[in-house]
Amino acid sequence: MLVTTSTNLEGYKVTDQLGVVRGITVRSRGMGGNFLGGLQTILGGKNSIYTELCEQTRQEAYELLILHAQQIGANAILSMRYDANEVMQGVTEVLAYGTAVKVEKV
């Protein structure tokens, strides 16, 4: 699967636009993660606990995005973006979305 944040893909021609695809996941921090993340916040510097949680969440949303695109027959995703919203305190939704297309090499 070719994925780009651009509106086009260099060296490829869009042959079919299949619509918007998305991958969404909702995550919450556990008590252990909150405790350790809180300690790192107090000490300052890079917060590896929350960084890892964010990276895992974005990766899961990205993989779900690709799965959705594959299910509708796409071989590329254009204009890929991430969005995140707090659903409630400590619970965050991460959305990966873009335009599913079929492309062929030119």
Protein backbone atom coordinates (compact mmCIF):
# COMPACT_ATOMS: atom_id res chain seq x y z
CA MET A 1 0.00 0.00 0.00
CA LEU A 2 1.39 3.38 -1.02
CA VAL A 3 0.54 6.10 1.50
CA THR A 4 1.33 9.80 1.20
CA THR A 5 0.31 13.05 2.83
CA SER A 6 0.48 14.66 -0.62
CA THR A 7 -2.45 15.05 -3.00
CA ASN A 8 -0.62 13.14 -5.71
CA LEU A 9 1.92 10.37 -5.99
CA GLU A 10 4.97 11.13 -8.10
CA GLY A 11 5.37 8.63 -10.93
CA TYR A 12 1.80 7.31 -10.64
CA LYS A 13 -1.51 8.14 -12.27
CA VAL A 14 -4.77 7.92 -10.32
CA THR A 15 -7.12 5.64 -12.24
CA ASP A 16 -9.97 5.48 -9.72
CA GLN A 17 -10.97 7.38 -6.60
CA LEU A 18 -12.66 5.10 -4.08
CA GLY A 19 -13.49 7.62 -1.35
CA VAL A 20 -12.47 8.43 2.19
CA VAL A 21 -10.98 5.65 4.31
CA ARG A 22 -10.22 5.73 7.98
CA GLY A 23 -8.72 3.87 10.87
CA ILE A 24 -9.89 4.78 14.33
CA THR A 25 -8.83 3.61 17.76
CA VAL A 26 -9.68 4.76 21.25
CA ARG A 27 -7.18 4.37 24.07
CA SER A 28 -7.04 5.12 27.75
CA ARG A 29 -4.12 5.29 30.11
CA GLY A 30 -3.96 2.60 32.75
CA MET A 31 -3.21 3.35 36.40
CA GLY A 32 0.36 2.08 36.09
CA GLY A 33 0.98 4.19 33.00
CA ASN A 34 -0.53 7.25 34.65
CA PHE A 35 1.63 6.76 37.73
CA LEU A 36 4.89 6.29 35.81
CA GLY A 37 4.01 8.99 33.28
CA GLY A 38 3.21 11.35 36.17
CA LEU A 39 6.58 10.64 37.75
CA GLN A 40 8.34 11.41 34.47
CA THR A 41 6.36 14.65 34.21
CA ILE A 42 7.54 15.71 37.66
CA LEU A 43 11.16 14.95 36.77
CA GLY A 44 10.92 16.77 33.44
CA GLY A 45 12.43 15.90 30.07
CA LYS A 46 11.17 13.35 27.58
CA ASN A 47 8.14 11.43 28.79
CA SER A 48 8.81 7.98 27.31
CA ILE A 49 5.67 6.40 28.86
CA TYR A 50 3.27 8.75 27.08
CA THR A 51 5.42 8.88 23.93
CA GLU A 52 5.19 5.08 23.59
CA LEU A 53 1.42 5.12 24.22
CA CYS A 54 0.94 7.79 21.54
CA GLU A 55 3.15 5.95 19.04
CA GLN A 56 1.32 2.64 19.57
CA THR A 57 -2.05 4.35 19.19
CA ARG A 58 -1.08 6.12 15.95
CA GLN A 59 0.39 2.89 14.57
CA GLU A 60 -2.84 1.01 15.30
CA ALA A 61 -4.95 3.72 13.62
CA TYR A 62 -2.58 3.67 10.60
CA GLU A 63 -2.85 -0.12 10.26
CA LEU A 64 -6.65 0.08 10.44
CA LEU A 65 -6.60 2.79 7.76
CA ILE A 66 -4.62 0.52 5.43
CA LEU A 67 -6.94 -2.41 6.17
CA HIS A 68 -9.98 -0.30 5.29
CA ALA A 69 -8.35 0.80 2.01
CA GLN A 70 -7.46 -2.80 1.11
CA GLN A 71 -11.03 -3.91 1.80
CA ILE A 72 -12.37 -1.54 -0.85
CA GLY A 73 -9.69 -2.43 -3.42
CA ALA A 74 -7.33 0.53 -3.14
CA ASN A 75 -3.60 0.28 -3.73
CA ALA A 76 -2.78 3.79 -2.47
CA ILE A 77 -3.96 6.43 -0.02
CA LEU A 78 -3.56 10.13 -0.75
CA SER A 79 -3.77 13.10 1.63
CA MET A 80 -3.29 10.91 4.70
CA ARG A 81 -3.74 12.75 8.01
CA TYR A 82 -4.06 12.08 11.74
CA ASP A 83 -6.55 13.64 14.12
CA ALA A 84 -6.97 13.15 17.85
CA ASN A 85 -9.73 14.09 20.28
CA GLU A 86 -10.23 13.55 23.95
CA VAL A 87 -13.45 11.55 24.33
CA MET A 88 -13.42 11.96 28.10
CA GLN A 89 -10.69 12.64 30.64
CA GLY A 90 -7.92 10.10 30.05
CA VAL A 91 -9.58 8.58 26.96
CA THR A 92 -8.35 9.67 23.53
CA GLU A 93 -9.55 8.85 20.04
CA VAL A 94 -6.96 8.78 17.26
CA LEU A 95 -8.14 8.84 13.67
CA ALA A 96 -6.02 8.22 10.58
CA TYR A 97 -7.78 9.14 7.35
CA GLY A 98 -7.18 9.80 3.69
CA THR A 99 -8.48 9.26 0.16
CA ALA A 100 -8.35 5.69 -1.15
CA VAL A 101 -7.37 5.43 -4.80
CA LYS A 102 -6.21 3.01 -7.42
CA VAL A 103 -2.99 4.08 -9.10
CA GLU A 104 -0.80 2.78 -11.88
CA LYS A 105 2.83 3.55 -12.62
CA VAL A 106 3.40 5.96 -15.53
